[in-house]
Amino acid sequence: MAAISASQVKELRERTGLGMMECKKALTEAGGDIEVAIENLRKNSGLKAAKKAGRTAAEGTVVTRVADDGSYGVMVEINSETDFVARDDNFKAFADKVADAFFAAKSEDVAAVMDGDLEVTREQLVQKIGENIGVRRCAVVEAPQGGLVGAYVHGGRIGVLTVLEGGNAEVAKDVAMHVAAINPTVARPDDMPQEKLDEEKAIILAQPDMAGKPENIAEKMVQGRLKKYLAENSLTEQPFVKDPNQSVAEFVKAAGGVVVGFTRFEVGEGIEKEEVDFAKEVMEQAGRS
């Protein structure tokens, strides 16, 4: 039997949208003939998943795992097409299995972790549910010596991992809850990218009350407003959501800790969602039946 080449698998994946393992198996059974493999896949409904692969999966869930000693944590986003499927027990079980795998691997490499049994499980779930399902991204964060990682997930849709130096698990979780609710841009003012500051400065200078101001006065006004911008968008400077009378930095300091950083995932952020005309879709399905 002829060996199946990587290029053959790649071509079949591009033409069907199916996973690597399924394509390799189909090619092996077809003796390397791509057209026969496609025909066989059609016969056994293997292309159901491929037909869904082009649809936008912008719903789903975020799952976290943190080591018992708080030394590291992982966060994974798993997507589905609809919120209804995101609440399905089979989908939730798959998401938990994926999170466990990334936690064990301590890796952000989605392709590597999903290769093998997990990819087969994903394909089977797509066949069963009838929606495109995918693992979009993973974050792995580690705590410094003497520090810890905290986690919080809100409604399955917003997940946060925080990193503290010192403090305790409850404080780290509370800070993660704050990040989920307020969505700061950076952890500390010094972390703000210069391009963001330049953009904000340009906006400030274009405001009506800046017109005609002497250069030295304008610069003082700009610096004052930039300071306010940094305070509003930096985690450490924000009023703590559970007690607005103290900043997040003050809250953490009271527990003997310092904020190091955070990672925040929100389901579907950055994905351009497909606008679906459900009435038209139903009519089209009715016409085919």
C-alpha atoms as a PDB file:
ATOM      1  CA  MET A   1       0.000   0.000   0.000  1.00  0.00           C
ATOM      2  CA  ALA A   2       1.369   3.430  -0.940  1.00  0.00           C
ATOM      3  CA  ALA A   3       2.376   5.708   1.923  1.00  0.00           C
ATOM      4  CA  ILE A   4       0.102   8.655   2.534  1.00  0.00           C
ATOM      5  CA  SER A   5       2.003  11.920   2.171  1.00  0.00           C
ATOM      6  CA  ALA A   6       1.530  15.055   4.242  1.00  0.00           C
ATOM      7  CA  SER A   7       0.607  16.975   1.085  1.00  0.00           C
ATOM      8  CA  GLN A   8      -2.246  14.539   0.373  1.00  0.00           C
ATOM      9  CA  VAL A   9      -3.585  14.951   3.884  1.00  0.00           C
ATOM     10  CA  LYS A  10      -3.275  18.730   3.548  1.00  0.00           C
ATOM     11  CA  GLU A  11      -5.182  18.752   0.243  1.00  0.00           C
ATOM     12  CA  LEU A  12      -7.999  16.600   1.624  1.00  0.00           C
ATOM     13  CA  ARG A  13      -8.236  18.798   4.721  1.00  0.00           C
ATOM     14  CA  GLU A  14      -8.475  21.915   2.548  1.00  0.00           C
ATOM     15  CA  ARG A  15     -11.133  20.351   0.331  1.00  0.00           C
ATOM     16  CA  THR A  16     -13.277  18.884   3.119  1.00  0.00           C
ATOM     17  CA  GLY A  17     -12.487  20.860   6.257  1.00  0.00           C
ATOM     18  CA  LEU A  18     -12.128  17.631   8.237  1.00  0.00           C
ATOM     19  CA  GLY A  19      -9.438  16.909  10.811  1.00  0.00           C
ATOM     20  CA  MET A  20      -6.006  15.524  10.065  1.00  0.00           C
ATOM     21  CA  MET A  21      -6.598  12.115  11.623  1.00  0.00           C
ATOM     22  CA  GLU A  22      -9.898  11.600   9.811  1.00  0.00           C
ATOM     23  CA  CYS A  23      -8.371  12.675   6.490  1.00  0.00           C
ATOM     24  CA  LYS A  24      -5.394  10.386   6.933  1.00  0.00           C
ATOM     25  CA  LYS A  25      -7.668   7.454   7.765  1.00  0.00           C
ATOM     26  CA  ALA A  26      -9.902   8.152   4.750  1.00  0.00           C
ATOM     27  CA  LEU A  27      -6.880   8.348   2.439  1.00  0.00           C
ATOM     28  CA  THR A  28      -5.464   5.118   3.824  1.00  0.00           C
ATOM     29  CA  GLU A  29      -8.751   3.306   3.235  1.00  0.00           C
ATOM     30  CA  ALA A  30      -8.916   4.782  -0.273  1.00  0.00           C
ATOM     31  CA  GLY A  31      -5.382   3.754  -1.141  1.00  0.00           C
ATOM     32  CA  GLY A  32      -4.264   7.346  -1.417  1.00  0.00           C
ATOM     33  CA  ASP A  33      -6.923   8.330  -3.967  1.00  0.00           C
ATOM     34  CA  ILE A  34      -8.302  11.692  -2.856  1.00  0.00           C
ATOM     35  CA  GLU A  35     -11.437  11.525  -5.014  1.00  0.00           C
ATOM     36  CA  VAL A  36     -12.303   8.053  -3.676  1.00  0.00           C
ATOM     37  CA  ALA A  37     -11.651   9.278  -0.136  1.00  0.00           C
ATOM     38  CA  ILE A  38     -14.072  12.179  -0.636  1.00  0.00           C
ATOM     39  CA  GLU A  39     -16.711   9.864  -2.096  1.00  0.00           C
ATOM     40  CA  ASN A  40     -16.364   7.470   0.856  1.00  0.00           C
ATOM     41  CA  LEU A  41     -16.599  10.331   3.326  1.00  0.00           C
ATOM     42  CA  ARG A  42     -19.791  11.515   1.674  1.00  0.00           C
ATOM     43  CA  LYS A  43     -21.266   8.042   1.895  1.00  0.00           C
ATOM     44  CA  ASN A  44     -20.671   7.743   5.622  1.00  0.00           C
ATOM     45  CA  SER A  45     -21.685  11.385   6.345  1.00  0.00           C
ATOM     46  CA  GLY A  46     -18.165  12.319   7.294  1.00  0.00           C
ATOM     47  CA  LEU A  47     -18.539  15.594   5.457  1.00  0.00           C
ATOM     48  CA  LYS A  48     -21.208  16.873   7.802  1.00  0.00           C
ATOM     49  CA  ALA A  49     -18.467  18.393   9.914  1.00  0.00           C
ATOM     50  CA  ALA A  50     -16.789  19.909   6.876  1.00  0.00           C
ATOM     51  CA  LYS A  51     -19.986  21.603   5.770  1.00  0.00           C
ATOM     52  CA  LYS A  52     -20.106  23.312   9.145  1.00  0.00           C
ATOM     53  CA  ALA A  53     -16.414  24.222   9.222  1.00  0.00           C
ATOM     54  CA  GLY A  54     -16.922  27.444   7.316  1.00  0.00           C
ATOM     55  CA  ARG A  55     -19.480  28.772   9.785  1.00  0.00           C
ATOM     56  CA  THR A  56     -18.360  31.206  12.442  1.00  0.00           C
ATOM     57  CA  ALA A  57     -17.891  29.721  15.901  1.00  0.00           C
ATOM     58  CA  ALA A  58     -18.035  32.828  18.093  1.00  0.00           C
ATOM     59  CA  GLU A  59     -19.945  31.450  21.082  1.00  0.00           C
ATOM     60  CA  GLY A  60     -18.635  28.919  23.561  1.00  0.00           C
ATOM     61  CA  THR A  61     -16.955  28.897  26.940  1.00  0.00           C
ATOM     62  CA  VAL A  62     -13.788  29.737  28.841  1.00  0.00           C
ATOM     63  CA  VAL A  63     -12.347  27.171  31.253  1.00  0.00           C
ATOM     64  CA  THR A  64      -9.510  27.601  33.757  1.00  0.00           C
ATOM     65  CA  ARG A  65      -7.285  25.303  35.775  1.00  0.00           C
ATOM     66  CA  VAL A  66      -4.883  26.346  38.562  1.00  0.00           C
ATOM     67  CA  ALA A  67      -2.282  24.165  40.264  1.00  0.00           C
ATOM     68  CA  ASP A  68      -3.008  23.286  43.891  1.00  0.00           C
ATOM     69  CA  ASP A  69       0.020  25.284  45.018  1.00  0.00           C
ATOM     70  CA  GLY A  70      -0.955  28.246  42.810  1.00  0.00           C
ATOM     71  CA  SER A  71       2.339  28.041  40.913  1.00  0.00           C
ATOM     72  CA  TYR A  72       0.710  28.127  37.481  1.00  0.00           C
ATOM     73  CA  GLY A  73      -2.620  28.189  35.721  1.00  0.00           C
ATOM     74  CA  VAL A  74      -4.095  27.701  32.267  1.00  0.00           C
ATOM     75  CA  MET A  75      -7.105  29.200  30.538  1.00  0.00           C
ATOM     76  CA  VAL A  76      -8.682  27.860  27.352  1.00  0.00           C
ATOM     77  CA  GLU A  77     -11.389  29.208  25.029  1.00  0.00           C
ATOM     78  CA  ILE A  78     -13.499  26.575  23.281  1.00  0.00           C
ATOM     79  CA  ASN A  79     -15.956  27.835  20.664  1.00  0.00           C
ATOM     80  CA  SER A  80     -19.297  26.743  19.255  1.00  0.00           C
ATOM     81  CA  GLU A  81     -21.643  28.415  16.776  1.00  0.00           C
ATOM     82  CA  THR A  82     -24.489  29.026  19.218  1.00  0.00           C
ATOM     83  CA  ASP A  83     -24.921  29.779  22.892  1.00  0.00           C
ATOM     84  CA  PHE A  84     -27.397  26.893  23.047  1.00  0.00           C
ATOM     85  CA  VAL A  85     -24.648  24.376  22.253  1.00  0.00           C
ATOM     86  CA  ALA A  86     -22.282  26.136  24.679  1.00  0.00           C
ATOM     87  CA  ARG A  87     -24.712  25.129  27.446  1.00  0.00           C
ATOM     88  CA  ASP A  88     -24.945  21.513  26.261  1.00  0.00           C
ATOM     89  CA  ASP A  89     -23.575  18.923  28.721  1.00  0.00           C
ATOM     90  CA  ASN A  90     -21.633  17.128  25.969  1.00  0.00           C
ATOM     91  CA  PHE A  91     -19.943  20.378  24.969  1.00  0.00           C
ATOM     92  CA  LYS A  92     -19.148  21.209  28.605  1.00  0.00           C
ATOM     93  CA  ALA A  93     -17.640  17.750  29.141  1.00  0.00           C
ATOM     94  CA  PHE A  94     -15.479  18.230  26.042  1.00  0.00           C
ATOM     95  CA  ALA A  95     -14.372  21.673  27.279  1.00  0.00           C
ATOM     96  CA  ASP A  96     -13.349  20.195  30.632  1.00  0.00           C
ATOM     97  CA  LYS A  97     -11.396  17.443  28.902  1.00  0.00           C
ATOM     98  CA  VAL A  98      -9.615  20.020  26.758  1.00  0.00           C
ATOM     99  CA  ALA A  99      -8.751  22.162  29.793  1.00  0.00           C
ATOM    100  CA  ASP A 100      -7.358  19.126  31.609  1.00  0.00           C
ATOM    101  CA  ALA A 101      -5.170  18.283  28.603  1.00  0.00           C
ATOM    102  CA  PHE A 102      -3.726  21.791  28.339  1.00  0.00           C
ATOM    103  CA  PHE A 103      -3.172  21.885  32.089  1.00  0.00           C
ATOM    104  CA  ALA A 104      -1.300  18.577  31.991  1.00  0.00           C
ATOM    105  CA  ALA A 105       0.760  19.661  28.982  1.00  0.00           C
ATOM    106  CA  LYS A 106       1.386  23.141  30.424  1.00  0.00           C
ATOM    107  CA  SER A 107       1.375  24.329  26.823  1.00  0.00           C
ATOM    108  CA  GLU A 108      -0.298  27.060  24.734  1.00  0.00           C
ATOM    109  CA  ASP A 109       0.246  25.146  21.478  1.00  0.00           C
ATOM    110  CA  VAL A 110      -3.319  24.358  20.395  1.00  0.00           C
ATOM    111  CA  ALA A 111      -2.305  22.262  17.376  1.00  0.00           C
ATOM    112  CA  ALA A 112       0.070  20.104  19.409  1.00  0.00           C
ATOM    113  CA  VAL A 113      -2.255  19.502  22.359  1.00  0.00           C
ATOM    114  CA  MET A 114      -5.279  18.812  20.146  1.00  0.00           C
ATOM    115  CA  ASP A 115      -3.418  16.396  17.873  1.00  0.00           C
ATOM    116  CA  GLY A 116      -4.601  12.805  18.370  1.00  0.00           C
ATOM    117  CA  ASP A 117      -7.439  11.612  20.582  1.00  0.00           C
ATOM    118  CA  LEU A 118      -8.725  15.083  21.462  1.00  0.00           C
ATOM    119  CA  GLU A 119      -9.095  15.992  17.797  1.00  0.00           C
ATOM    120  CA  VAL A 120     -10.975  12.754  17.160  1.00  0.00           C
ATOM    121  CA  THR A 121     -13.268  13.569  20.104  1.00  0.00           C
ATOM    122  CA  ARG A 122     -13.858  17.057  18.696  1.00  0.00           C
ATOM    123  CA  GLU A 123     -14.768  15.675  15.269  1.00  0.00           C
ATOM    124  CA  GLN A 124     -17.168  13.163  16.813  1.00  0.00           C
ATOM    125  CA  LEU A 125     -18.827  15.940  18.804  1.00  0.00           C
ATOM    126  CA  VAL A 126     -19.217  18.039  15.652  1.00  0.00           C
ATOM    127  CA  GLN A 127     -20.902  15.052  13.986  1.00  0.00           C
ATOM    128  CA  LYS A 128     -23.189  14.535  16.962  1.00  0.00           C
ATOM    129  CA  ILE A 129     -24.178  18.148  17.605  1.00  0.00           C
ATOM    130  CA  GLY A 130     -24.065  19.443  14.038  1.00  0.00           C
ATOM    131  CA  GLU A 131     -22.170  22.643  14.764  1.00  0.00           C
ATOM    132  CA  ASN A 132     -18.651  23.805  14.152  1.00  0.00           C
ATOM    133  CA  ILE A 133     -16.661  23.424  17.390  1.00  0.00           C
ATOM    134  CA  GLY A 134     -13.085  24.528  17.848  1.00  0.00           C
ATOM    135  CA  VAL A 135     -10.405  25.223  20.428  1.00  0.00           C
ATOM    136  CA  ARG A 136      -9.359  28.799  19.760  1.00  0.00           C
ATOM    137  CA  ARG A 137      -6.605  29.682  22.216  1.00  0.00           C
ATOM    138  CA  CYS A 138      -4.893  28.903  25.487  1.00  0.00           C
ATOM    139  CA  ALA A 139      -2.913  30.973  27.977  1.00  0.00           C
ATOM    140  CA  VAL A 140      -0.429  29.547  30.458  1.00  0.00           C
ATOM    141  CA  VAL A 141       0.730  31.827  33.277  1.00  0.00           C
ATOM    142  CA  GLU A 142       3.268  31.127  35.992  1.00  0.00           C
ATOM    143  CA  ALA A 143       3.709  32.800  39.355  1.00  0.00           C
ATOM    144  CA  PRO A 144       7.057  34.165  40.535  1.00  0.00           C
ATOM    145  CA  GLN A 145       8.807  32.589  43.526  1.00  0.00           C
ATOM    146  CA  GLY A 146       6.579  33.168  46.531  1.00  0.00           C
ATOM    147  CA  GLY A 147       3.686  34.291  44.347  1.00  0.00           C
ATOM    148  CA  LEU A 148       0.546  32.630  43.083  1.00  0.00           C
ATOM    149  CA  VAL A 149      -2.005  32.499  40.292  1.00  0.00           C
ATOM    150  CA  GLY A 150      -5.695  33.177  40.826  1.00  0.00           C
ATOM    151  CA  ALA A 151      -8.630  32.431  38.536  1.00  0.00           C
ATOM    152  CA  TYR A 152     -12.206  33.539  38.029  1.00  0.00           C
ATOM    153  CA  VAL A 153     -14.763  32.688  35.348  1.00  0.00           C
ATOM    154  CA  HIS A 154     -17.949  34.706  34.978  1.00  0.00           C
ATOM    155  CA  GLY A 155     -20.902  32.939  33.416  1.00  0.00           C
ATOM    156  CA  GLY A 156     -18.623  30.704  31.391  1.00  0.00           C
ATOM    157  CA  ARG A 157     -17.968  33.602  29.009  1.00  0.00           C
ATOM    158  CA  ILE A 158     -15.292  35.735  30.690  1.00  0.00           C
ATOM    159  CA  GLY A 159     -12.220  34.146  32.237  1.00  0.00           C
ATOM    160  CA  VAL A 160      -9.309  35.757  34.054  1.00  0.00           C
ATOM    161  CA  LEU A 161      -5.981  34.547  35.398  1.00  0.00           C
ATOM    162  CA  THR A 162      -4.181  36.912  37.773  1.00  0.00           C
ATOM    163  CA  VAL A 163      -0.595  36.726  38.989  1.00  0.00           C
ATOM    164  CA  LEU A 164       0.423  38.096  42.375  1.00  0.00           C
ATOM    165  CA  GLU A 165       3.691  38.254  44.197  1.00  0.00           C
ATOM    166  CA  GLY A 166       2.715  37.360  47.770  1.00  0.00           C
ATOM    167  CA  GLY A 167      -0.905  37.634  48.893  1.00  0.00           C
ATOM    168  CA  ASN A 168      -3.189  34.621  49.016  1.00  0.00           C
ATOM    169  CA  ALA A 169      -5.561  32.621  46.830  1.00  0.00           C
ATOM    170  CA  GLU A 170      -8.677  34.503  47.911  1.00  0.00           C
ATOM    171  CA  VAL A 171      -7.124  37.876  47.124  1.00  0.00           C
ATOM    172  CA  ALA A 172      -5.905  36.611  43.731  1.00  0.00           C
ATOM    173  CA  LYS A 173      -9.435  35.412  42.927  1.00  0.00           C
ATOM    174  CA  ASP A 174     -10.957  38.738  44.011  1.00  0.00           C
ATOM    175  CA  VAL A 175      -8.569  40.616  41.735  1.00  0.00           C
ATOM    176  CA  ALA A 176      -9.508  38.268  38.890  1.00  0.00           C
ATOM    177  CA  MET A 177     -13.169  39.058  39.569  1.00  0.00           C
ATOM    178  CA  HIS A 178     -12.369  42.775  39.360  1.00  0.00           C
ATOM    179  CA  VAL A 179     -10.613  42.279  36.011  1.00  0.00           C
ATOM    180  CA  ALA A 180     -13.601  40.326  34.680  1.00  0.00           C
ATOM    181  CA  ALA A 181     -15.975  43.120  35.668  1.00  0.00           C
ATOM    182  CA  ILE A 182     -13.959  46.257  34.825  1.00  0.00           C
ATOM    183  CA  ASN A 183     -11.693  45.031  32.008  1.00  0.00           C
ATOM    184  CA  PRO A 184      -8.572  47.165  32.567  1.00  0.00           C
ATOM    185  CA  THR A 185      -6.200  47.659  29.650  1.00  0.00           C
ATOM    186  CA  VAL A 186      -2.952  46.939  31.504  1.00  0.00           C
ATOM    187  CA  ALA A 187      -1.852  45.788  34.954  1.00  0.00           C
ATOM    188  CA  ARG A 188       0.205  48.896  35.863  1.00  0.00           C
ATOM    189  CA  PRO A 189       0.621  52.375  34.359  1.00  0.00           C
ATOM    190  CA  ASP A 190       4.161  51.547  33.225  1.00  0.00           C
ATOM    191  CA  ASP A 191       2.748  48.658  31.156  1.00  0.00           C
ATOM    192  CA  MET A 192       0.741  50.958  28.865  1.00  0.00           C
ATOM    193  CA  PRO A 193       2.165  50.747  25.304  1.00  0.00           C
ATOM    194  CA  GLN A 194       3.614  54.028  24.043  1.00  0.00           C
ATOM    195  CA  GLU A 195       1.413  53.899  20.940  1.00  0.00           C
ATOM    196  CA  LYS A 196      -1.670  53.915  23.172  1.00  0.00           C
ATOM    197  CA  LEU A 197      -0.370  56.975  25.002  1.00  0.00           C
ATOM    198  CA  ASP A 198       0.402  58.688  21.690  1.00  0.00           C
ATOM    199  CA  GLU A 199      -3.121  57.980  20.449  1.00  0.00           C
ATOM    200  CA  GLU A 200      -4.647  59.340  23.644  1.00  0.00           C
ATOM    201  CA  LYS A 201      -2.440  62.442  23.501  1.00  0.00           C
ATOM    202  CA  ALA A 202      -3.596  63.124  19.942  1.00  0.00           C
ATOM    203  CA  ILE A 203      -7.222  62.832  21.067  1.00  0.00           C
ATOM    204  CA  ILE A 204      -6.634  65.208  23.980  1.00  0.00           C
ATOM    205  CA  LEU A 205      -4.932  67.803  21.771  1.00  0.00           C
ATOM    206  CA  ALA A 206      -7.872  67.691  19.360  1.00  0.00           C
ATOM    207  CA  GLN A 207     -10.412  68.511  22.060  1.00  0.00           C
ATOM    208  CA  PRO A 208     -12.076  71.952  21.740  1.00  0.00           C
ATOM    209  CA  ASP A 209     -10.796  73.353  25.034  1.00  0.00           C
ATOM    210  CA  MET A 210      -7.183  72.830  23.912  1.00  0.00           C
ATOM    211  CA  ALA A 211      -7.510  75.287  21.018  1.00  0.00           C
ATOM    212  CA  GLY A 212      -5.410  78.407  21.343  1.00  0.00           C
ATOM    213  CA  LYS A 213      -3.724  77.359  24.580  1.00  0.00           C
ATOM    214  CA  PRO A 214      -0.063  78.355  25.048  1.00  0.00           C
ATOM    215  CA  GLU A 215       2.269  75.416  24.524  1.00  0.00           C
ATOM    216  CA  ASN A 216       3.319  75.148  28.183  1.00  0.00           C
ATOM    217  CA  ILE A 217      -0.270  75.260  29.427  1.00  0.00           C
ATOM    218  CA  ALA A 218      -1.390  72.736  26.812  1.00  0.00           C
ATOM    219  CA  GLU A 219       1.400  70.358  27.848  1.00  0.00           C
ATOM    220  CA  LYS A 220       0.384  70.546  31.521  1.00  0.00           C
ATOM    221  CA  MET A 221      -3.223  69.824  30.578  1.00  0.00           C
ATOM    222  CA  VAL A 222      -2.141  66.901  28.395  1.00  0.00           C
ATOM    223  CA  GLN A 223      -0.019  65.378  31.153  1.00  0.00           C
ATOM    224  CA  GLY A 224      -2.838  65.755  33.671  1.00  0.00           C
ATOM    225  CA  ARG A 225      -5.326  64.037  31.404  1.00  0.00           C
ATOM    226  CA  LEU A 226      -2.858  61.293  30.505  1.00  0.00           C
ATOM    227  CA  LYS A 227      -2.358  60.642  34.209  1.00  0.00           C
ATOM    228  CA  LYS A 228      -6.119  60.312  34.616  1.00  0.00           C
ATOM    229  CA  TYR A 229      -6.293  58.024  31.562  1.00  0.00           C
ATOM    230  CA  LEU A 230      -3.613  55.757  33.026  1.00  0.00           C
ATOM    231  CA  ALA A 231      -5.390  55.636  36.391  1.00  0.00           C
ATOM    232  CA  GLU A 232      -8.668  54.665  34.744  1.00  0.00           C
ATOM    233  CA  ASN A 233      -7.146  51.965  32.560  1.00  0.00           C
ATOM    234  CA  SER A 234      -4.502  50.414  34.835  1.00  0.00           C
ATOM    235  CA  LEU A 235      -5.601  47.600  37.131  1.00  0.00           C
ATOM    236  CA  THR A 236      -3.507  48.672  40.112  1.00  0.00           C
ATOM    237  CA  GLU A 237      -4.860  52.239  40.071  1.00  0.00           C
ATOM    238  CA  GLN A 238      -8.553  51.422  39.620  1.00  0.00           C
ATOM    239  CA  PRO A 239     -10.959  51.604  42.582  1.00  0.00           C
ATOM    240  CA  PHE A 240     -11.410  48.017  43.764  1.00  0.00           C
ATOM    241  CA  VAL A 241     -14.807  46.767  42.654  1.00  0.00           C
ATOM    242  CA  LYS A 242     -15.679  45.365  46.103  1.00  0.00           C
ATOM    243  CA  ASP A 243     -14.511  48.487  47.944  1.00  0.00           C
ATOM    244  CA  PRO A 244     -14.185  51.650  45.819  1.00  0.00           C
ATOM    245  CA  ASN A 245     -12.552  53.473  48.749  1.00  0.00           C
ATOM    246  CA  GLN A 246      -9.276  51.696  48.023  1.00  0.00           C
ATOM    247  CA  SER A 247      -7.392  50.937  44.841  1.00  0.00           C
ATOM    248  CA  VAL A 248      -6.682  47.410  43.676  1.00  0.00           C
ATOM    249  CA  ALA A 249      -3.012  47.909  44.551  1.00  0.00           C
ATOM    250  CA  GLU A 250      -3.962  48.975  48.089  1.00  0.00           C
ATOM    251  CA  PHE A 251      -6.288  45.995  48.478  1.00  0.00           C
ATOM    252  CA  VAL A 252      -3.550  43.566  47.440  1.00  0.00           C
ATOM    253  CA  LYS A 253      -0.896  45.336  49.539  1.00  0.00           C
ATOM    254  CA  ALA A 254      -3.065  44.955  52.637  1.00  0.00           C
ATOM    255  CA  ALA A 255      -2.800  41.190  52.133  1.00  0.00           C
ATOM    256  CA  GLY A 256       0.960  41.338  51.730  1.00  0.00           C
ATOM    257  CA  GLY A 257       0.970  41.123  47.949  1.00  0.00           C
ATOM    258  CA  VAL A 258       1.762  42.981  44.742  1.00  0.00           C
ATOM    259  CA  VAL A 259      -0.012  42.734  41.379  1.00  0.00           C
ATOM    260  CA  VAL A 260       2.260  41.233  38.717  1.00  0.00           C
ATOM    261  CA  GLY A 261      -0.157  40.851  35.797  1.00  0.00           C
ATOM    262  CA  PHE A 262      -3.335  39.350  34.388  1.00  0.00           C
ATOM    263  CA  THR A 263      -4.740  37.603  31.334  1.00  0.00           C
ATOM    264  CA  ARG A 264      -8.382  38.045  30.341  1.00  0.00           C
ATOM    265  CA  PHE A 265     -10.363  36.029  27.774  1.00  0.00           C
ATOM    266  CA  GLU A 266     -13.878  36.898  26.642  1.00  0.00           C
ATOM    267  CA  VAL A 267     -15.668  34.411  24.419  1.00  0.00           C
ATOM    268  CA  GLY A 268     -15.689  35.496  20.791  1.00  0.00           C
ATOM    269  CA  GLU A 269     -13.740  38.736  21.262  1.00  0.00           C
ATOM    270  CA  GLY A 270     -12.099  39.769  18.014  1.00  0.00           C
ATOM    271  CA  ILE A 271     -14.147  37.319  15.928  1.00  0.00           C
ATOM    272  CA  GLU A 272     -16.277  38.853  13.209  1.00  0.00           C
ATOM    273  CA  LYS A 273     -19.614  37.167  13.708  1.00  0.00           C
ATOM    274  CA  GLU A 274     -21.535  35.914  10.733  1.00  0.00           C
ATOM    275  CA  GLU A 275     -24.976  37.439  10.289  1.00  0.00           C
ATOM    276  CA  VAL A 276     -27.374  34.575   9.730  1.00  0.00           C
ATOM    277  CA  ASP A 277     -30.814  34.982   8.173  1.00  0.00           C
ATOM    278  CA  PHE A 278     -32.547  32.147  10.029  1.00  0.00           C
ATOM    279  CA  ALA A 279     -35.821  32.548   8.116  1.00  0.00           C
ATOM    280  CA  LYS A 280     -33.974  32.175   4.826  1.00  0.00           C
ATOM    281  CA  GLU A 281     -31.999  29.224   6.182  1.00  0.00           C
ATOM    282  CA  VAL A 282     -35.181  27.429   7.245  1.00  0.00           C
ATOM    283  CA  MET A 283     -36.789  28.053   3.857  1.00  0.00           C
ATOM    284  CA  GLU A 284     -33.718  26.694   2.084  1.00  0.00           C
ATOM    285  CA  GLN A 285     -33.725  23.562   4.241  1.00  0.00           C
ATOM    286  CA  ALA A 286     -37.455  23.111   3.632  1.00  0.00           C
ATOM    287  CA  GLY A 287     -36.883  23.403  -0.103  1.00  0.00           C
ATOM    288  CA  ARG A 288     -34.262  20.649   0.000  1.00  0.00           C
ATOM    289  CA  SER A 289     -36.437  18.248   1.983  1.00  0.00           C
END
